[in-house]
PDB file of all heavy atoms in Angstrom:
ATOM      1  N   LYS A   1      96.418  96.011  92.637  1.00  0.00           N
ATOM      2  CA  LYS A   1      96.130  97.363  92.904  1.00  0.00           C
ATOM      3  C   LYS A   1      95.967  98.235  91.613  1.00  0.00           C
ATOM      4  O   LYS A   1      95.079  99.083  91.487  1.00  0.00           O
ATOM      5  CB  LYS A   1      97.258  97.991  93.706  1.00  0.00           C
ATOM      6  CG  LYS A   1      97.074  99.394  94.153  1.00  0.00           C
ATOM      7  CD  LYS A   1      96.185  99.451  95.367  1.00  0.00           C
ATOM      8  CE  LYS A   1      96.105 100.920  95.957  1.00  0.00           C
ATOM      9  NZ  LYS A   1      95.231 101.010  97.122  1.00  0.00           N
ATOM     10  N   ILE A   2      96.850  97.957  90.660  1.00  0.00           N
ATOM     11  CA  ILE A   2      96.811  98.801  89.435  1.00  0.00           C
ATOM     12  C   ILE A   2      96.091  98.287  88.298  1.00  0.00           C
ATOM     13  O   ILE A   2      95.897  98.930  87.276  1.00  0.00           O
ATOM     14  CB  ILE A   2      98.305  99.102  88.949  1.00  0.00           C
ATOM     15  CG1 ILE A   2      98.984  97.819  88.428  1.00  0.00           C
ATOM     16  CG2 ILE A   2      99.105  99.679  90.056  1.00  0.00           C
ATOM     17  CD1 ILE A   2     100.193  98.022  87.652  1.00  0.00           C
ATOM     18  N   ARG A   3      95.488  97.057  88.476  1.00  0.00           N
ATOM     19  CA  ARG A   3      94.785  96.472  87.332  1.00  0.00           C
ATOM     20  C   ARG A   3      93.799  97.297  86.647  1.00  0.00           C
ATOM     21  O   ARG A   3      93.759  97.477  85.381  1.00  0.00           O
ATOM     22  CB  ARG A   3      94.112  95.138  87.859  1.00  0.00           C
ATOM     23  CG  ARG A   3      93.427  94.311  86.760  1.00  0.00           C
ATOM     24  CD  ARG A   3      92.761  93.086  87.368  1.00  0.00           C
ATOM     25  NE  ARG A   3      93.623  92.331  88.170  1.00  0.00           N
ATOM     26  CZ  ARG A   3      94.485  91.372  87.734  1.00  0.00           C
ATOM     27  NH1 ARG A   3      94.500  91.157  86.362  1.00  0.00           N
ATOM     28  NH2 ARG A   3      95.306  90.671  88.556  1.00  0.00           N
ATOM     29  N   LYS A   4      92.987  98.011  87.419  1.00  0.00           N
ATOM     30  CA  LYS A   4      91.878  98.803  86.816  1.00  0.00           C
ATOM     31  C   LYS A   4      92.321 100.168  86.313  1.00  0.00           C
ATOM     32  O   LYS A   4      91.550 100.895  85.648  1.00  0.00           O
ATOM     33  CB  LYS A   4      90.745  98.938  87.853  1.00  0.00           C
ATOM     34  CG  LYS A   4      91.113  99.673  89.059  1.00  0.00           C
ATOM     35  CD  LYS A   4      89.911  99.811  90.022  1.00  0.00           C
ATOM     36  CE  LYS A   4      90.228 100.637  91.226  1.00  0.00           C
ATOM     37  NZ  LYS A   4      89.062 100.729  92.154  1.00  0.00           N
ATOM     38  N   TYR A   5      93.595 100.508  86.742  1.00  0.00           N
ATOM     39  CA  TYR A   5      94.010 101.857  86.291  1.00  0.00           C
ATOM     40  C   TYR A   5      94.747 101.911  84.940  1.00  0.00           C
ATOM     41  O   TYR A   5      94.970 103.055  84.404  1.00  0.00           O
ATOM     42  CB  TYR A   5      95.019 102.499  87.388  1.00  0.00           C
ATOM     43  CG  TYR A   5      94.239 102.780  88.645  1.00  0.00           C
ATOM     44  CD1 TYR A   5      94.197 101.875  89.725  1.00  0.00           C
ATOM     45  CD2 TYR A   5      93.597 104.016  88.874  1.00  0.00           C
ATOM     46  CE1 TYR A   5      93.505 102.121  90.940  1.00  0.00           C
ATOM     47  CE2 TYR A   5      92.902 104.332  89.952  1.00  0.00           C
ATOM     48  CZ  TYR A   5      92.858 103.368  91.046  1.00  0.00           C
ATOM     49  OH  TYR A   5      92.173 103.614  92.175  1.00  0.00           O
ATOM     50  N   ASN A   6      95.146 100.790  84.490  1.00  0.00           N
ATOM     51  CA  ASN A   6      95.708 100.659  83.133  1.00  0.00           C
ATOM     52  C   ASN A   6      96.828 101.640  82.797  1.00  0.00           C
ATOM     53  O   ASN A   6      96.722 102.554  81.969  1.00  0.00           O
ATOM     54  CB  ASN A   6      94.585 100.825  82.056  1.00  0.00           C
ATOM     55  CG  ASN A   6      93.648  99.561  81.963  1.00  0.00           C
ATOM     56  OD1 ASN A   6      94.210  98.439  82.012  1.00  0.00           O
ATOM     57  ND2 ASN A   6      92.529  99.846  81.818  1.00  0.00           N
ATOM     58  N   PRO A   7      97.982 101.539  83.475  1.00  0.00           N
ATOM     59  CA  PRO A   7      99.095 102.339  83.048  1.00  0.00           C
ATOM     60  C   PRO A   7      99.477 101.972  81.607  1.00  0.00           C
ATOM     61  O   PRO A   7      99.147 100.866  81.163  1.00  0.00           O
ATOM     62  CB  PRO A   7     100.171 101.950  84.154  1.00  0.00           C
ATOM     63  CG  PRO A   7      99.797 100.595  84.526  1.00  0.00           C
ATOM     64  CD  PRO A   7      98.354 100.632  84.598  1.00  0.00           C
ATOM     65  N   ASP A   8     100.279 102.851  80.982  1.00  0.00           N
ATOM     66  CA  ASP A   8     100.653 102.615  79.561  1.00  0.00           C
ATOM     67  C   ASP A   8     101.734 101.609  79.362  1.00  0.00           C
ATOM     68  O   ASP A   8     101.988 101.218  78.238  1.00  0.00           O
ATOM     69  CB  ASP A   8     100.950 103.975  78.914  1.00  0.00           C
ATOM     70  CG  ASP A   8      99.772 104.880  78.991  1.00  0.00           C
ATOM     71  OD1 ASP A   8      98.867 104.784  78.155  1.00  0.00           O
ATOM     72  OD2 ASP A   8      99.747 105.765  79.888  1.00  0.00           O
ATOM     73  N   GLY A   9     102.321 101.178  80.435  1.00  0.00           N
ATOM     74  CA  GLY A   9     103.392 100.162  80.310  1.00  0.00           C
ATOM     75  C   GLY A   9     104.035  99.932  81.652  1.00  0.00           C
ATOM     76  O   GLY A   9     103.974 100.761  82.552  1.00  0.00           O
ATOM     77  N   LEU A  10     104.727  98.779  81.821  1.00  0.00           N
ATOM     78  CA  LEU A  10     105.458  98.398  82.968  1.00  0.00           C
ATOM     79  C   LEU A  10     106.979  98.213  82.515  1.00  0.00           C
ATOM     80  O   LEU A  10     107.167  97.508  81.513  1.00  0.00           O
ATOM     81  CB  LEU A  10     104.962  97.155  83.669  1.00  0.00           C
ATOM     82  CG  LEU A  10     103.588  97.151  84.115  1.00  0.00           C
ATOM     83  CD1 LEU A  10     103.147  95.775  84.640  1.00  0.00           C
ATOM     84  CD2 LEU A  10     103.308  98.170  85.105  1.00  0.00           C
ATOM     85  N   ILE A  11     107.820  98.920  83.132  1.00  0.00           N
ATOM     86  CA  ILE A  11     109.305  98.849  82.745  1.00  0.00           C
ATOM     87  C   ILE A  11     109.950  97.797  83.699  1.00  0.00           C
ATOM     88  O   ILE A  11     110.057  98.014  84.930  1.00  0.00           O
ATOM     89  CB  ILE A  11     109.922 100.235  82.908  1.00  0.00           C
ATOM     90  CG1 ILE A  11     109.197 101.268  82.031  1.00  0.00           C
ATOM     91  CG2 ILE A  11     111.397 100.139  82.462  1.00  0.00           C
ATOM     92  CD1 ILE A  11     109.710 102.694  82.297  1.00  0.00           C
ATOM     93  N   ILE A  12     110.477  96.709  83.099  1.00  0.00           N
ATOM     94  CA  ILE A  12     110.891  95.577  83.866  1.00  0.00           C
ATOM     95  C   ILE A  12     112.246  95.142  83.464  1.00  0.00           C
ATOM     96  O   ILE A  12     112.562  95.090  82.264  1.00  0.00           O
ATOM     97  CB  ILE A  12     109.914  94.416  83.742  1.00  0.00           C
ATOM     98  CG1 ILE A  12     108.491  94.807  84.314  1.00  0.00           C
ATOM     99  CG2 ILE A  12     110.427  93.124  84.463  1.00  0.00           C
ATOM    100  CD1 ILE A  12     107.367  93.791  84.035  1.00  0.00           C
ATOM    101  N   SER A  13     113.144  94.738  84.421  1.00  0.00           N
ATOM    102  CA  SER A  13     114.442  94.239  84.049  1.00  0.00           C
ATOM    103  C   SER A  13     114.651  92.736  84.333  1.00  0.00           C
ATOM    104  O   SER A  13     115.388  92.018  83.685  1.00  0.00           O
ATOM    105  CB  SER A  13     115.560  94.946  84.842  1.00  0.00           C
ATOM    106  OG  SER A  13     115.271  95.010  86.188  1.00  0.00           O
ATOM    107  N   ASP A  14     113.906  92.229  85.322  1.00  0.00           N
ATOM    108  CA  ASP A  14     114.072  90.829  85.815  1.00  0.00           C
ATOM    109  C   ASP A  14     113.114  89.948  85.020  1.00  0.00           C
ATOM    110  O   ASP A  14     111.952  90.150  84.940  1.00  0.00           O
ATOM    111  CB  ASP A  14     113.628  90.776  87.290  1.00  0.00           C
ATOM    112  CG  ASP A  14     113.911  89.463  87.924  1.00  0.00           C
ATOM    113  OD1 ASP A  14     113.489  88.405  87.376  1.00  0.00           O
ATOM    114  OD2 ASP A  14     114.545  89.415  88.987  1.00  0.00           O
ATOM    115  N   PRO A  15     113.745  88.837  84.395  1.00  0.00           N
ATOM    116  CA  PRO A  15     112.840  87.955  83.583  1.00  0.00           C
ATOM    117  C   PRO A  15     111.698  87.379  84.336  1.00  0.00           C
ATOM    118  O   PRO A  15     110.659  87.111  83.796  1.00  0.00           O
ATOM    119  CB  PRO A  15     113.796  86.901  83.106  1.00  0.00           C
ATOM    120  CG  PRO A  15     115.152  87.552  83.092  1.00  0.00           C
ATOM    121  CD  PRO A  15     115.090  88.539  84.190  1.00  0.00           C
ATOM    122  N   GLY A  16     111.953  87.014  85.612  1.00  0.00           N
ATOM    123  CA  GLY A  16     110.952  86.441  86.428  1.00  0.00           C
ATOM    124  C   GLY A  16     109.768  87.399  86.692  1.00  0.00           C
ATOM    125  O   GLY A  16     108.554  87.033  86.570  1.00  0.00           O
ATOM    126  N   VAL A  17     110.106  88.667  86.960  1.00  0.00           N
ATOM    127  CA  VAL A  17     109.069  89.663  87.118  1.00  0.00           C
ATOM    128  C   VAL A  17     108.296  89.876  85.807  1.00  0.00           C
ATOM    129  O   VAL A  17     107.081  90.046  85.810  1.00  0.00           O
ATOM    130  CB  VAL A  17     109.656  91.062  87.577  1.00  0.00           C
ATOM    131  CG1 VAL A  17     108.579  92.090  87.666  1.00  0.00           C
ATOM    132  CG2 VAL A  17     110.354  90.805  88.912  1.00  0.00           C
ATOM    133  N   PHE A  18     109.040  89.882  84.710  1.00  0.00           N
ATOM    134  CA  PHE A  18     108.425  90.030  83.332  1.00  0.00           C
ATOM    135  C   PHE A  18     107.332  88.966  83.137  1.00  0.00           C
ATOM    136  O   PHE A  18     106.194  89.278  82.766  1.00  0.00           O
ATOM    137  CB  PHE A  18     109.469  89.904  82.277  1.00  0.00           C
ATOM    138  CG  PHE A  18     109.024  90.254  80.892  1.00  0.00           C
ATOM    139  CD1 PHE A  18     109.155  91.405  80.335  1.00  0.00           C
ATOM    140  CD2 PHE A  18     108.440  89.201  80.131  1.00  0.00           C
ATOM    141  CE1 PHE A  18     108.743  91.731  79.071  1.00  0.00           C
ATOM    142  CE2 PHE A  18     107.955  89.455  78.865  1.00  0.00           C
ATOM    143  CZ  PHE A  18     108.167  90.697  78.316  1.00  0.00           C
ATOM    144  N   MET A  19     107.696  87.743  83.341  1.00  0.00           N
ATOM    145  CA  MET A  19     106.759  86.599  83.149  1.00  0.00           C
ATOM    146  C   MET A  19     105.647  86.670  84.133  1.00  0.00           C
ATOM    147  O   MET A  19     104.407  86.347  83.826  1.00  0.00           O
ATOM    148  CB  MET A  19     107.428  85.261  83.149  1.00  0.00           C
ATOM    149  CG  MET A  19     108.527  85.058  82.092  1.00  0.00           C
ATOM    150  SD  MET A  19     107.987  85.346  80.428  1.00  0.00           S
ATOM    151  CE  MET A  19     106.839  84.046  80.152  1.00  0.00           C
ATOM    152  N   PHE A  20     105.886  87.063  85.349  1.00  0.00           N
ATOM    153  CA  PHE A  20     104.820  87.176  86.435  1.00  0.00           C
ATOM    154  C   PHE A  20     103.855  88.163  85.993  1.00  0.00           C
ATOM    155  O   PHE A  20     102.659  87.962  86.064  1.00  0.00           O
ATOM    156  CB  PHE A  20     105.534  87.540  87.731  1.00  0.00           C
ATOM    157  CG  PHE A  20     104.646  87.605  88.947  1.00  0.00           C
ATOM    158  CD1 PHE A  20     104.451  86.433  89.678  1.00  0.00           C
ATOM    159  CD2 PHE A  20     103.896  88.768  89.237  1.00  0.00           C
ATOM    160  CE1 PHE A  20     103.640  86.426  90.799  1.00  0.00           C
ATOM    161  CE2 PHE A  20     103.109  88.841  90.318  1.00  0.00           C
ATOM    162  CZ  PHE A  20     102.898  87.659  91.126  1.00  0.00           C
ATOM    163  N   MET A  21     104.265  89.405  85.562  1.00  0.00           N
ATOM    164  CA  MET A  21     103.346  90.424  85.201  1.00  0.00           C
ATOM    165  C   MET A  21     102.640  90.168  83.875  1.00  0.00           C
ATOM    166  O   MET A  21     101.526  90.561  83.615  1.00  0.00           O
ATOM    167  CB  MET A  21     104.229  91.795  85.123  1.00  0.00           C
ATOM    168  CG  MET A  21     104.480  92.438  86.473  1.00  0.00           C
ATOM    169  SD  MET A  21     102.972  92.650  87.471  1.00  0.00           S
ATOM    170  CE  MET A  21     103.682  92.990  89.062  1.00  0.00           C
ATOM    171  N   LYS A  22     103.333  89.412  83.048  1.00  0.00           N
ATOM    172  CA  LYS A  22     102.760  89.076  81.723  1.00  0.00           C
ATOM    173  C   LYS A  22     101.435  88.193  81.976  1.00  0.00           C
ATOM    174  O   LYS A  22     100.399  88.346  81.290  1.00  0.00           O
ATOM    175  CB  LYS A  22     103.654  88.305  80.847  1.00  0.00           C
ATOM    176  CG  LYS A  22     103.164  87.844  79.517  1.00  0.00           C
ATOM    177  CD  LYS A  22     104.220  87.113  78.678  1.00  0.00           C
ATOM    178  CE  LYS A  22     103.681  86.640  77.392  1.00  0.00           C
ATOM    179  NZ  LYS A  22     104.682  85.907  76.555  1.00  0.00           N
ATOM    180  N   GLU A  23     101.569  87.312  83.030  1.00  0.00           N
ATOM    181  CA  GLU A  23     100.472  86.493  83.404  1.00  0.00           C
ATOM    182  C   GLU A  23      99.417  87.228  84.140  1.00  0.00           C
ATOM    183  O   GLU A  23      98.164  87.080  83.846  1.00  0.00           O
ATOM    184  CB  GLU A  23     100.964  85.315  84.214  1.00  0.00           C
ATOM    185  CG  GLU A  23      99.851  84.335  84.648  1.00  0.00           C
ATOM    186  CD  GLU A  23     100.416  83.218  85.531  1.00  0.00           C
ATOM    187  OE1 GLU A  23     101.630  82.953  85.578  1.00  0.00           O
ATOM    188  OE2 GLU A  23      99.505  82.593  86.212  1.00  0.00           O
ATOM    189  N   LYS A  24      99.885  88.088  85.111  1.00  0.00           N
ATOM    190  CA  LYS A  24      98.920  88.781  85.962  1.00  0.00           C
ATOM    191  C   LYS A  24      98.164  89.944  85.227  1.00  0.00           C
ATOM    192  O   LYS A  24      96.994  90.240  85.463  1.00  0.00           O
ATOM    193  CB  LYS A  24      99.619  89.321  87.162  1.00  0.00           C
ATOM    194  CG  LYS A  24     100.153  88.269  88.138  1.00  0.00           C
ATOM    195  CD  LYS A  24      99.026  87.714  88.926  1.00  0.00           C
ATOM    196  CE  LYS A  24      99.479  86.693  89.943  1.00  0.00           C
ATOM    197  NZ  LYS A  24      98.392  86.108  90.672  1.00  0.00           N
ATOM    198  N   LEU A  25      98.925  90.659  84.337  1.00  0.00           N
ATOM    199  CA  LEU A  25      98.400  91.847  83.658  1.00  0.00           C
ATOM    200  C   LEU A  25      98.599  91.728  82.145  1.00  0.00           C
ATOM    201  O   LEU A  25      99.399  92.497  81.603  1.00  0.00           O
ATOM    202  CB  LEU A  25      99.011  93.117  84.274  1.00  0.00           C
ATOM    203  CG  LEU A  25      98.852  93.392  85.721  1.00  0.00           C
ATOM    204  CD1 LEU A  25      99.777  94.487  86.129  1.00  0.00           C
ATOM    205  CD2 LEU A  25      97.399  93.603  86.138  1.00  0.00           C
ATOM    206  N   PRO A  26      97.935  90.799  81.566  1.00  0.00           N
ATOM    207  CA  PRO A  26      98.159  90.526  80.159  1.00  0.00           C
ATOM    208  C   PRO A  26      97.837  91.692  79.170  1.00  0.00           C
ATOM    209  O   PRO A  26      98.294  91.728  78.036  1.00  0.00           O
ATOM    210  CB  PRO A  26      97.257  89.302  79.820  1.00  0.00           C
ATOM    211  CG  PRO A  26      96.191  89.334  80.834  1.00  0.00           C
ATOM    212  CD  PRO A  26      96.820  90.002  82.060  1.00  0.00           C
ATOM    213  N   ASN A  27      97.063  92.659  79.660  1.00  0.00           N
ATOM    214  CA  ASN A  27      96.631  93.710  78.759  1.00  0.00           C
ATOM    215  C   ASN A  27      97.558  94.974  78.889  1.00  0.00           C
ATOM    216  O   ASN A  27      97.359  95.937  78.160  1.00  0.00           O
ATOM    217  CB  ASN A  27      95.097  94.126  79.073  1.00  0.00           C
ATOM    218  CG  ASN A  27      94.201  93.010  78.745  1.00  0.00           C
ATOM    219  OD1 ASN A  27      94.357  92.251  77.814  1.00  0.00           O
ATOM    220  ND2 ASN A  27      93.182  92.849  79.619  1.00  0.00           N
ATOM    221  N   ILE A  28      98.493  94.956  79.838  1.00  0.00           N
ATOM    222  CA  ILE A  28      99.387  96.140  80.005  1.00  0.00           C
ATOM    223  C   ILE A  28     100.689  95.791  79.221  1.00  0.00           C
ATOM    224  O   ILE A  28     101.340  94.770  79.464  1.00  0.00           O
ATOM    225  CB  ILE A  28      99.659  96.382  81.461  1.00  0.00           C
ATOM    226  CG1 ILE A  28      98.317  96.783  82.170  1.00  0.00           C
ATOM    227  CG2 ILE A  28     100.645  97.518  81.571  1.00  0.00           C
ATOM    228  CD1 ILE A  28      98.443  97.083  83.647  1.00  0.00           C
ATOM    229  N   PRO A  29     101.149  96.707  78.330  1.00  0.00           N
ATOM    230  CA  PRO A  29     102.404  96.455  77.563  1.00  0.00           C
ATOM    231  C   PRO A  29     103.588  96.443  78.539  1.00  0.00           C
ATOM    232  O   PRO A  29     103.687  97.158  79.507  1.00  0.00           O
ATOM    233  CB  PRO A  29     102.477  97.709  76.624  1.00  0.00           C
ATOM    234  CG  PRO A  29     101.058  98.227  76.538  1.00  0.00           C
ATOM    235  CD  PRO A  29     100.459  97.958  77.813  1.00  0.00           C
ATOM    236  N   LEU A  30     104.503  95.505  78.184  1.00  0.00           N
ATOM    237  CA  LEU A  30     105.703  95.271  79.033  1.00  0.00           C
ATOM    238  C   LEU A  30     106.907  95.884  78.273  1.00  0.00           C
ATOM    239  O   LEU A  30     107.183  95.604  77.064  1.00  0.00           O
ATOM    240  CB  LEU A  30     105.906  93.805  79.299  1.00  0.00           C
ATOM    241  CG  LEU A  30     104.810  93.151  80.092  1.00  0.00           C
ATOM    242  CD1 LEU A  30     105.223  91.718  80.343  1.00  0.00           C
ATOM    243  CD2 LEU A  30     104.495  93.904  81.377  1.00  0.00           C
ATOM    244  N   HIS A  31     107.677  96.748  79.008  1.00  0.00           N
ATOM    245  CA  HIS A  31     108.940  97.377  78.497  1.00  0.00           C
ATOM    246  C   HIS A  31     110.027  96.752  79.191  1.00  0.00           C
ATOM    247  O   HIS A  31     110.000  96.411  80.363  1.00  0.00           O
ATOM    248  CB  HIS A  31     108.916  98.906  78.696  1.00  0.00           C
ATOM    249  CG  HIS A  31     107.784  99.521  78.031  1.00  0.00           C
ATOM    250  ND1 HIS A  31     107.873 100.935  77.748  1.00  0.00           N
ATOM    251  CD2 HIS A  31     106.559  99.192  77.591  1.00  0.00           C
ATOM    252  CE1 HIS A  31     106.761 101.361  77.154  1.00  0.00           C
ATOM    253  NE2 HIS A  31     105.937 100.311  77.062  1.00  0.00           N
ATOM    254  N   VAL A  32     111.206  96.588  78.567  1.00  0.00           N
ATOM    255  CA  VAL A  32     112.410  96.044  79.034  1.00  0.00           C
ATOM    256  C   VAL A  32     113.307  97.132  79.499  1.00  0.00           C
ATOM    257  O   VAL A  32     113.675  98.031  78.693  1.00  0.00           O
ATOM    258  CB  VAL A  32     113.126  95.084  78.096  1.00  0.00           C
ATOM    259  CG1 VAL A  32     114.330  94.515  78.742  1.00  0.00           C
ATOM    260  CG2 VAL A  32     112.230  93.960  77.615  1.00  0.00           C
ATOM    261  N   SER A  33     113.667  97.209  80.821  1.00  0.00           N
ATOM    262  CA  SER A  33     114.400  98.237  81.354  1.00  0.00           C
ATOM    263  C   SER A  33     115.866  98.210  80.906  1.00  0.00           C
ATOM    264  O   SER A  33     116.393  97.172  80.466  1.00  0.00           O
ATOM    265  CB  SER A  33     114.390  98.129  82.910  1.00  0.00           C
ATOM    266  OG  SER A  33     115.347  98.984  83.488  1.00  0.00           O
ATOM    267  N   THR A  34     116.537  99.388  80.957  1.00  0.00           N
ATOM    268  CA  THR A  34     117.910  99.463  80.617  1.00  0.00           C
ATOM    269  C   THR A  34     118.774  98.542  81.537  1.00  0.00           C
ATOM    270  O   THR A  34     119.827  98.144  81.220  1.00  0.00           O
ATOM    271  CB  THR A  34     118.414 100.949  80.705  1.00  0.00           C
ATOM    272  OG1 THR A  34     119.766 100.989  80.358  1.00  0.00           O
ATOM    273  CG2 THR A  34     118.335 101.435  82.163  1.00  0.00           C
ATOM    274  N   GLN A  35     118.227  98.247  82.715  1.00  0.00           N
ATOM    275  CA  GLN A  35     118.900  97.342  83.729  1.00  0.00           C
ATOM    276  C   GLN A  35     119.105  95.942  83.123  1.00  0.00           C
ATOM    277  O   GLN A  35     119.952  95.179  83.598  1.00  0.00           O
ATOM    278  CB  GLN A  35     118.190  97.279  84.974  1.00  0.00           C
ATOM    279  CG  GLN A  35     118.030  98.578  85.725  1.00  0.00           C
ATOM    280  CD  GLN A  35     119.370  99.197  86.153  1.00  0.00           C
ATOM    281  OE1 GLN A  35     119.708 100.329  85.946  1.00  0.00           O
ATOM    282  NE2 GLN A  35     120.144  98.338  86.789  1.00  0.00           N
ATOM    283  N   ALA A  36     118.238  95.643  82.147  1.00  0.00           N
ATOM    284  CA  ALA A  36     118.453  94.256  81.522  1.00  0.00           C
ATOM    285  C   ALA A  36     119.646  94.222  80.528  1.00  0.00           C
ATOM    286  O   ALA A  36     119.949  93.138  80.011  1.00  0.00           O
ATOM    287  CB  ALA A  36     117.147  93.929  80.785  1.00  0.00           C
ATOM    288  N   ASN A  37     120.270  95.419  80.233  1.00  0.00           N
ATOM    289  CA  ASN A  37     121.478  95.446  79.503  1.00  0.00           C
ATOM    290  C   ASN A  37     121.314  94.964  78.020  1.00  0.00           C
ATOM    291  O   ASN A  37     122.152  94.234  77.494  1.00  0.00           O
ATOM    292  CB  ASN A  37     122.564  94.683  80.090  1.00  0.00           C
ATOM    293  CG  ASN A  37     122.828  95.114  81.605  1.00  0.00           C
ATOM    294  OD1 ASN A  37     122.844  94.219  82.500  1.00  0.00           O
ATOM    295  ND2 ASN A  37     123.002  96.334  81.824  1.00  0.00           N
ATOM    296  N   VAL A  38     120.218  95.415  77.407  1.00  0.00           N
ATOM    297  CA  VAL A  38     119.953  95.064  76.088  1.00  0.00           C
ATOM    298  C   VAL A  38     120.908  95.912  75.151  1.00  0.00           C
ATOM    299  O   VAL A  38     120.784  97.174  75.197  1.00  0.00           O
ATOM    300  CB  VAL A  38     118.454  95.223  75.612  1.00  0.00           C
ATOM    301  CG1 VAL A  38     118.324  94.878  74.136  1.00  0.00           C
ATOM    302  CG2 VAL A  38     117.609  94.358  76.514  1.00  0.00           C
ATOM    303  N   GLY A  39     121.729  95.290  74.381  1.00  0.00           N
ATOM    304  CA  GLY A  39     122.644  96.026  73.560  1.00  0.00           C
ATOM    305  C   GLY A  39     122.896  95.472  72.190  1.00  0.00           C
ATOM    306  O   GLY A  39     123.804  95.808  71.435  1.00  0.00           O
ATOM    307  N   SER A  40     122.039  94.506  71.785  1.00  0.00           N
ATOM    308  CA  SER A  40     122.157  93.895  70.430  1.00  0.00           C
ATOM    309  C   SER A  40     120.727  93.480  69.972  1.00  0.00           C
ATOM    310  O   SER A  40     119.810  93.374  70.731  1.00  0.00           O
ATOM    311  CB  SER A  40     122.999  92.649  70.519  1.00  0.00           C
ATOM    312  OG  SER A  40     122.324  91.597  71.121  1.00  0.00           O
TER     313      SER A  40
END
């Protein structure tokens, strides 16, 4: 649905969703959500 609209990024927490969208939408930047608990 969103392929042709080119949002400026996708905010993702789940590694599976991350890899899925990386393959499906390689031209859209991927952001890691705070839900992924990145602290280092």
